[in-house]
C-alpha atoms as a PDB file:
ATOM      1  CA  MET A   1       0.000   0.000   0.000  1.00  0.00           C
ATOM      2  CA  ILE A   2       1.333   3.393  -1.010  1.00  0.00           C
ATOM      3  CA  PRO A   3      -0.423   6.371   0.647  1.00  0.00           C
ATOM      4  CA  ILE A   4      -1.065   9.319  -1.667  1.00  0.00           C
ATOM      5  CA  SER A   5      -3.329  11.740   0.219  1.00  0.00           C
ATOM      6  CA  ASP A   6      -6.290  11.874   2.607  1.00  0.00           C
ATOM      7  CA  ASN A   7      -9.856  13.105   2.384  1.00  0.00           C
ATOM      8  CA  ILE A   8      -9.373  16.037   4.781  1.00  0.00           C
ATOM      9  CA  GLN A   9      -9.323  19.294   2.837  1.00  0.00           C
ATOM     10  CA  SER A  10      -7.726  22.564   3.937  1.00  0.00           C
ATOM     11  CA  TRP A  11      -6.407  25.677   2.193  1.00  0.00           C
ATOM     12  CA  LYS A  12      -3.590  26.181   4.705  1.00  0.00           C
ATOM     13  CA  LYS A  13      -0.152  25.510   3.261  1.00  0.00           C
ATOM     14  CA  PRO A  14       1.916  23.038   5.362  1.00  0.00           C
ATOM     15  CA  ILE A  15       5.051  25.180   5.378  1.00  0.00           C
ATOM     16  CA  ILE A  16       6.872  23.221   8.115  1.00  0.00           C
ATOM     17  CA  THR A  17       6.200  19.936   6.310  1.00  0.00           C
ATOM     18  CA  TYR A  18       7.675  21.449   3.150  1.00  0.00           C
ATOM     19  CA  TRP A  19      10.784  22.520   5.063  1.00  0.00           C
ATOM     20  CA  LEU A  20      11.209  19.166   6.812  1.00  0.00           C
ATOM     21  CA  ILE A  21      10.976  17.305   3.524  1.00  0.00           C
ATOM     22  CA  GLY A  22      13.394  19.735   1.881  1.00  0.00           C
ATOM     23  CA  ILE A  23      15.981  19.454   4.674  1.00  0.00           C
ATOM     24  CA  ASN A  24      15.809  15.660   4.671  1.00  0.00           C
ATOM     25  CA  VAL A  25      16.251  15.496   0.903  1.00  0.00           C
ATOM     26  CA  ALA A  26      19.140  17.986   0.973  1.00  0.00           C
ATOM     27  CA  ILE A  27      21.017  16.044   3.663  1.00  0.00           C
ATOM     28  CA  PHE A  28      20.407  12.748   1.852  1.00  0.00           C
ATOM     29  CA  CYS A  29      21.882  14.253  -1.318  1.00  0.00           C
ATOM     30  CA  TRP A  30      24.886  15.285   0.778  1.00  0.00           C
ATOM     31  CA  GLU A  31      25.132  11.692   2.034  1.00  0.00           C
ATOM     32  CA  LEU A  32      25.204  10.457  -1.567  1.00  0.00           C
ATOM     33  CA  LYS A  33      28.112  12.805  -2.250  1.00  0.00           C
ATOM     34  CA  LEU A  34      29.946  11.569   0.859  1.00  0.00           C
ATOM     35  CA  ASP A  35      29.259   7.985  -0.200  1.00  0.00           C
ATOM     36  CA  THR A  36      31.123   8.512  -3.478  1.00  0.00           C
ATOM     37  CA  SER A  37      34.127   9.980  -1.645  1.00  0.00           C
ATOM     38  CA  GLY A  38      34.237   7.303   1.076  1.00  0.00           C
ATOM     39  CA  GLN A  39      33.448   9.758   3.894  1.00  0.00           C
ATOM     40  CA  LEU A  40      29.903   8.635   4.624  1.00  0.00           C
ATOM     41  CA  GLY A  41      30.903   6.242   7.422  1.00  0.00           C
ATOM     42  CA  ASP A  42      32.593   9.008   9.427  1.00  0.00           C
ATOM     43  CA  PHE A  43      29.599  11.306   8.937  1.00  0.00           C
ATOM     44  CA  VAL A  44      27.050   8.727  10.097  1.00  0.00           C
ATOM     45  CA  ASN A  45      29.161   7.652  13.074  1.00  0.00           C
ATOM     46  CA  SER A  46      29.542  11.292  14.129  1.00  0.00           C
ATOM     47  CA  TRP A  47      25.863  12.226  13.904  1.00  0.00           C
ATOM     48  CA  GLY A  48      24.061   8.931  14.416  1.00  0.00           C
ATOM     49  CA  ILE A  49      22.874   7.777  17.840  1.00  0.00           C
ATOM     50  CA  ILE A  50      25.254   5.136  19.196  1.00  0.00           C
ATOM     51  CA  PRO A  51      23.732   3.870  22.473  1.00  0.00           C
ATOM     52  CA  GLU A  52      26.872   2.142  23.781  1.00  0.00           C
ATOM     53  CA  GLN A  53      29.017   5.264  23.340  1.00  0.00           C
ATOM     54  CA  THR A  54      26.370   7.559  24.812  1.00  0.00           C
ATOM     55  CA  ASN A  55      25.898   5.398  27.907  1.00  0.00           C
ATOM     56  CA  ALA A  56      29.655   5.038  28.361  1.00  0.00           C
ATOM     57  CA  ALA A  57      30.122   8.812  28.122  1.00  0.00           C
ATOM     58  CA  ILE A  58      27.392   9.461  30.708  1.00  0.00           C
ATOM     59  CA  THR A  59      28.841   6.872  33.106  1.00  0.00           C
ATOM     60  CA  ASN A  60      32.323   8.334  32.726  1.00  0.00           C
ATOM     61  CA  ALA A  61      31.081  11.882  33.325  1.00  0.00           C
ATOM     62  CA  VAL A  62      28.987  11.000  36.380  1.00  0.00           C
ATOM     63  CA  PHE A  63      31.407   8.699  38.209  1.00  0.00           C
ATOM     64  CA  TYR A  64      34.909   9.436  36.983  1.00  0.00           C
ATOM     65  CA  ASN A  65      35.596  12.616  35.041  1.00  0.00           C
ATOM     66  CA  SER A  66      33.375  15.690  35.111  1.00  0.00           C
ATOM     67  CA  ALA A  67      35.160  17.063  32.040  1.00  0.00           C
ATOM     68  CA  ALA A  68      33.607  14.208  30.046  1.00  0.00           C
ATOM     69  CA  TRP A  69      30.314  16.098  30.022  1.00  0.00           C
ATOM     70  CA  ILE A  70      31.597  17.716  26.830  1.00  0.00           C
ATOM     71  CA  VAL A  71      31.527  14.286  25.203  1.00  0.00           C
ATOM     72  CA  VAL A  72      28.043  13.682  26.639  1.00  0.00           C
ATOM     73  CA  PHE A  73      26.841  16.967  25.141  1.00  0.00           C
ATOM     74  CA  TRP A  74      28.246  15.966  21.749  1.00  0.00           C
ATOM     75  CA  ARG A  75      26.593  12.553  21.856  1.00  0.00           C
ATOM     76  CA  LEU A  76      23.236  14.044  22.945  1.00  0.00           C
ATOM     77  CA  LEU A  77      23.473  16.583  20.123  1.00  0.00           C
ATOM     78  CA  SER A  78      23.203  13.646  17.755  1.00  0.00           C
ATOM     79  CA  LEU A  79      19.631  13.017  18.970  1.00  0.00           C
ATOM     80  CA  PRO A  80      18.004  15.816  16.907  1.00  0.00           C
ATOM     81  CA  VAL A  81      20.563  15.698  14.082  1.00  0.00           C
ATOM     82  CA  SER A  82      20.108  11.965  13.482  1.00  0.00           C
ATOM     83  CA  LEU A  83      16.449  12.617  12.605  1.00  0.00           C
ATOM     84  CA  PHE A  84      17.595  14.087   9.295  1.00  0.00           C
ATOM     85  CA  VAL A  85      20.092  11.355   8.360  1.00  0.00           C
ATOM     86  CA  HIS A  86      18.934   8.248   6.490  1.00  0.00           C
ATOM     87  CA  SER A  87      20.691   5.069   5.473  1.00  0.00           C
ATOM     88  CA  SER A  88      18.769   3.953   2.378  1.00  0.00           C
ATOM     89  CA  PHE A  89      16.499   5.100  -0.417  1.00  0.00           C
ATOM     90  CA  SER A  90      13.640   3.017   0.941  1.00  0.00           C
ATOM     91  CA  GLN A  91      13.958   4.561   4.403  1.00  0.00           C
ATOM     92  CA  ILE A  92      13.902   8.183   3.282  1.00  0.00           C
ATOM     93  CA  ILE A  93      11.199   7.627   0.641  1.00  0.00           C
ATOM     94  CA  GLY A  94       8.986   5.783   3.133  1.00  0.00           C
ATOM     95  CA  ASN A  95       9.487   8.359   5.872  1.00  0.00           C
ATOM     96  CA  LEU A  96       8.901  11.383   3.648  1.00  0.00           C
ATOM     97  CA  LEU A  97       5.860   9.814   2.008  1.00  0.00           C
ATOM     98  CA  PHE A  98       4.221   9.276   5.400  1.00  0.00           C
ATOM     99  CA  LEU A  99       5.351  12.747   6.505  1.00  0.00           C
ATOM    100  CA  TRP A 100       3.663  14.306   3.478  1.00  0.00           C
ATOM    101  CA  VAL A 101       0.375  12.391   3.674  1.00  0.00           C
ATOM    102  CA  PHE A 102      -0.137  12.578   7.437  1.00  0.00           C
ATOM    103  CA  GLY A 103       2.079  15.500   8.434  1.00  0.00           C
ATOM    104  CA  LYS A 104       0.416  18.192   6.352  1.00  0.00           C
ATOM    105  CA  THR A 105      -2.966  17.471   7.940  1.00  0.00           C
ATOM    106  CA  VAL A 106      -1.533  17.355  11.476  1.00  0.00           C
ATOM    107  CA  GLU A 107       0.321  20.639  10.853  1.00  0.00           C
ATOM    108  CA  ARG A 108      -2.858  22.339   9.679  1.00  0.00           C
ATOM    109  CA  PHE A 109      -4.630  21.305  12.866  1.00  0.00           C
ATOM    110  CA  LEU A 110      -1.823  21.930  15.384  1.00  0.00           C
ATOM    111  CA  GLY A 111      -0.297  25.001  13.772  1.00  0.00           C
ATOM    112  CA  GLN A 112       3.310  25.383  12.691  1.00  0.00           C
ATOM    113  CA  GLN A 113       4.975  25.858  16.086  1.00  0.00           C
ATOM    114  CA  ARG A 114       3.259  23.019  17.920  1.00  0.00           C
ATOM    115  CA  TYR A 115       3.706  20.726  14.941  1.00  0.00           C
ATOM    116  CA  LEU A 116       7.453  21.373  14.765  1.00  0.00           C
ATOM    117  CA  LEU A 117       7.696  20.980  18.550  1.00  0.00           C
ATOM    118  CA  LEU A 118       5.970  17.590  18.353  1.00  0.00           C
ATOM    119  CA  TYR A 119       8.225  16.411  15.515  1.00  0.00           C
ATOM    120  CA  LEU A 120      11.485  17.329  17.259  1.00  0.00           C
ATOM    121  CA  VAL A 121      10.551  16.410  20.834  1.00  0.00           C
ATOM    122  CA  ALA A 122       9.047  13.054  19.871  1.00  0.00           C
ATOM    123  CA  GLY A 123      12.039  12.280  17.652  1.00  0.00           C
ATOM    124  CA  VAL A 124      14.511  13.073  20.423  1.00  0.00           C
ATOM    125  CA  PHE A 125      12.463  11.164  23.008  1.00  0.00           C
ATOM    126  CA  SER A 126      12.306   8.064  20.797  1.00  0.00           C
ATOM    127  CA  GLY A 127      16.090   8.235  20.452  1.00  0.00           C
ATOM    128  CA  MET A 128      16.497   8.424  24.229  1.00  0.00           C
ATOM    129  CA  ILE A 129      14.248   5.392  24.669  1.00  0.00           C
ATOM    130  CA  HIS A 130      16.365   3.477  22.180  1.00  0.00           C
ATOM    131  CA  ILE A 131      19.558   4.427  24.045  1.00  0.00           C
ATOM    132  CA  PHE A 132      18.014   3.059  27.237  1.00  0.00           C
ATOM    133  CA  MET A 133      16.505  -0.099  25.760  1.00  0.00           C
ATOM    134  CA  ALA A 134      19.476  -1.023  23.531  1.00  0.00           C
ATOM    135  CA  SER A 135      22.279   0.231  25.751  1.00  0.00           C
ATOM    136  CA  THR A 136      24.932  -2.111  24.286  1.00  0.00           C
ATOM    137  CA  LEU A 137      24.267  -1.329  20.615  1.00  0.00           C
ATOM    138  CA  THR A 138      27.478  -0.221  18.901  1.00  0.00           C
ATOM    139  CA  VAL A 139      26.160   0.788  15.468  1.00  0.00           C
ATOM    140  CA  PRO A 140      24.535   4.184  14.794  1.00  0.00           C
ATOM    141  CA  VAL A 141      20.775   4.625  14.786  1.00  0.00           C
ATOM    142  CA  ILE A 142      19.579   7.135  12.186  1.00  0.00           C
ATOM    143  CA  GLY A 143      16.357   8.207  10.544  1.00  0.00           C
ATOM    144  CA  ALA A 144      13.184  10.137  11.346  1.00  0.00           C
ATOM    145  CA  ASN A 145      11.235   6.961  12.164  1.00  0.00           C
ATOM    146  CA  GLY A 146      10.367   8.008  15.734  1.00  0.00           C
ATOM    147  CA  ALA A 147       9.282  11.501  14.663  1.00  0.00           C
ATOM    148  CA  ILE A 148       7.156  10.135  11.807  1.00  0.00           C
ATOM    149  CA  ALA A 149       5.571   7.643  14.218  1.00  0.00           C
ATOM    150  CA  SER A 150       4.559  10.560  16.444  1.00  0.00           C
ATOM    151  CA  ILE A 151       2.883  12.300  13.501  1.00  0.00           C
ATOM    152  CA  LEU A 152       1.025   9.090  12.694  1.00  0.00           C
ATOM    153  CA  GLY A 153      -0.040   8.711  16.340  1.00  0.00           C
ATOM    154  CA  ALA A 154      -1.320  12.299  16.449  1.00  0.00           C
ATOM    155  CA  TYR A 155      -3.193  11.816  13.176  1.00  0.00           C
ATOM    156  CA  ILE A 156      -4.917   8.610  14.301  1.00  0.00           C
ATOM    157  CA  MET A 157      -5.908  10.236  17.582  1.00  0.00           C
ATOM    158  CA  LYS A 158      -7.542  13.219  15.851  1.00  0.00           C
ATOM    159  CA  PHE A 159      -8.770  11.668  12.595  1.00  0.00           C
ATOM    160  CA  PRO A 160      -9.401   7.947  13.271  1.00  0.00           C
ATOM    161  CA  LYS A 161     -12.112   7.710  10.590  1.00  0.00           C
ATOM    162  CA  ALA A 162     -10.218   9.529   7.853  1.00  0.00           C
ATOM    163  CA  LYS A 163      -9.795   7.797   4.506  1.00  0.00           C
ATOM    164  CA  ILE A 164      -6.340   7.554   2.971  1.00  0.00           C
ATOM    165  CA  TYR A 165      -6.226   7.535  -0.802  1.00  0.00           C
ATOM    166  CA  SER A 166      -3.713   4.835  -1.677  1.00  0.00           C
ATOM    167  CA  VAL A 167      -2.494   2.711  -4.538  1.00  0.00           C
ATOM    168  CA  LEU A 168      -2.021  -1.018  -4.276  1.00  0.00           C
ATOM    169  CA  PRO A 169       0.810  -2.142  -6.587  1.00  0.00           C
ATOM    170  CA  LEU A 170       0.155  -5.553  -8.164  1.00  0.00           C
ATOM    171  CA  MET A 171       2.987  -6.423 -10.533  1.00  0.00           C
ATOM    172  CA  VAL A 172       2.815  -3.597 -13.100  1.00  0.00           C
ATOM    173  CA  VAL A 173      -0.770  -2.602 -12.254  1.00  0.00           C
ATOM    174  CA  PHE A 174      -1.564   0.076  -9.657  1.00  0.00           C
ATOM    175  CA  ILE A 175      -5.052  -0.192  -8.185  1.00  0.00           C
ATOM    176  CA  PRO A 176      -6.464   2.919  -6.440  1.00  0.00           C
ATOM    177  CA  VAL A 177      -8.073   2.161  -3.072  1.00  0.00           C
ATOM    178  CA  GLU A 178      -9.285   4.009   0.032  1.00  0.00           C
ATOM    179  CA  ILE A 179      -7.810   2.699   3.274  1.00  0.00           C
ATOM    180  CA  PRO A 180      -9.019   3.627   6.800  1.00  0.00           C
ATOM    181  CA  ALA A 181      -6.365   5.696   8.548  1.00  0.00           C
ATOM    182  CA  PHE A 182      -5.993   3.342  11.531  1.00  0.00           C
ATOM    183  CA  LEU A 183      -4.852   0.491   9.253  1.00  0.00           C
ATOM    184  CA  TYR A 184      -1.755   2.504   8.402  1.00  0.00           C
ATOM    185  CA  LEU A 185      -0.839   2.289  12.059  1.00  0.00           C
ATOM    186  CA  PHE A 186      -0.036  -1.371  11.511  1.00  0.00           C
ATOM    187  CA  TRP A 187       1.378  -0.952   8.018  1.00  0.00           C
ATOM    188  CA  TRP A 188       3.868   1.637   9.299  1.00  0.00           C
ATOM    189  CA  PHE A 189       5.520  -0.891  11.618  1.00  0.00           C
ATOM    190  CA  ILE A 190       5.472  -3.639   8.991  1.00  0.00           C
ATOM    191  CA  GLN A 191       7.218  -1.561   6.357  1.00  0.00           C
ATOM    192  CA  GLN A 192      10.171  -0.912   8.683  1.00  0.00           C
ATOM    193  CA  LEU A 193      11.370  -4.387   7.727  1.00  0.00           C
ATOM    194  CA  PHE A 194      12.001  -3.188   4.179  1.00  0.00           C
ATOM    195  CA  TYR A 195      14.117  -0.146   5.040  1.00  0.00           C
ATOM    196  CA  GLY A 196      17.317  -1.937   4.083  1.00  0.00           C
ATOM    197  CA  ILE A 197      16.421  -1.763   0.372  1.00  0.00           C
ATOM    198  CA  GLY A 198      18.731   0.584  -1.497  1.00  0.00           C
ATOM    199  CA  SER A 199      21.113   0.956   1.449  1.00  0.00           C
ATOM    200  CA  LEU A 200      24.069   3.286   1.178  1.00  0.00           C
ATOM    201  CA  ASN A 201      27.586   1.957   1.647  1.00  0.00           C
ATOM    202  CA  ILE A 202      28.062   2.681   5.362  1.00  0.00           C
ATOM    203  CA  PRO A 203      31.017   0.789   6.920  1.00  0.00           C
ATOM    204  CA  GLY A 204      29.942  -1.151  10.026  1.00  0.00           C
ATOM    205  CA  GLY A 205      26.264  -0.814   9.150  1.00  0.00           C
ATOM    206  CA  VAL A 206      23.450   1.045  10.890  1.00  0.00           C
ATOM    207  CA  ASN A 207      20.302   0.202  12.813  1.00  0.00           C
ATOM    208  CA  ASN A 208      17.019   1.091  11.084  1.00  0.00           C
ATOM    209  CA  LEU A 209      14.724  -1.035  13.228  1.00  0.00           C
ATOM    210  CA  SER A 210      13.924   0.516  16.613  1.00  0.00           C
ATOM    211  CA  TYR A 211      10.463  -0.658  17.580  1.00  0.00           C
ATOM    212  CA  TRP A 212      10.836   0.622  21.140  1.00  0.00           C
ATOM    213  CA  GLY A 213      11.773   4.090  19.910  1.00  0.00           C
ATOM    214  CA  GLN A 214       9.034   4.151  17.293  1.00  0.00           C
ATOM    215  CA  PHE A 215       6.433   2.975  19.799  1.00  0.00           C
ATOM    216  CA  ALA A 216       7.564   5.777  22.139  1.00  0.00           C
ATOM    217  CA  GLY A 217       7.132   8.264  19.288  1.00  0.00           C
ATOM    218  CA  LEU A 218       3.676   6.891  18.497  1.00  0.00           C
ATOM    219  CA  VAL A 219       2.527   7.222  22.118  1.00  0.00           C
ATOM    220  CA  THR A 220       4.047  10.709  22.376  1.00  0.00           C
ATOM    221  CA  GLY A 221       2.162  11.888  19.298  1.00  0.00           C
ATOM    222  CA  ALA A 222      -1.130  10.448  20.492  1.00  0.00           C
ATOM    223  CA  ALA A 223      -0.707  11.944  23.986  1.00  0.00           C
ATOM    224  CA  PHE A 224       0.278  15.331  22.559  1.00  0.00           C
ATOM    225  CA  MET A 225      -2.799  15.436  20.327  1.00  0.00           C
ATOM    226  CA  GLN A 226      -5.018  14.391  23.228  1.00  0.00           C
ATOM    227  CA  MET A 227      -3.700  17.296  25.336  1.00  0.00           C
ATOM    228  CA  VAL A 228      -4.258  19.738  22.484  1.00  0.00           C
ATOM    229  CA  LYS A 229      -7.821  18.494  21.958  1.00  0.00           C
ATOM    230  CA  ARG A 230      -8.601  19.062  25.627  1.00  0.00           C
END
């Protein structure tokens, strides 16, 4: 199932969604350039979330060397930056497609500032959950998966009966269908398994599958929308 649009109409332009898509595409193009020069691995390891390194830096700063808080700050800075770094064509296309279909409607309802706040806070929070739950992971975690999950959670909470205009690819035939919005809640988690398609050449590999972090983002988005509705 490929989501195209929804049945909720509005004349407001989703400016923040435009900017988020543009920034993600620009950074991915930069990654492609780094990939050709062999520098992509250093870039991803610098700005991706590496739970083992982050936990080690925090432990060192708290118990042994207070000067190590500089390292902790650097590792925590990767939490928001990693949201804009992707490891494969399938990951960025899937994320940005969901961001466009669901994000523009959520932005129109929440407004630009609250929408951007939700995207960044939920993305950072999902990264923190992943650091805690996968504390020994030594490969970088990148991608906007947690932030997109929060947008999906907010959308389902506000528009559970919305219809999503989709196409169902069958071989070379594309069949247009209308899918209830809540079904995409399950499809979102299923499609994470395919995010390795079209992977970039990143030495050591990366982690695209963070169900704990994505679930945290989903709950954050739903809770945020519930508070706004009240």
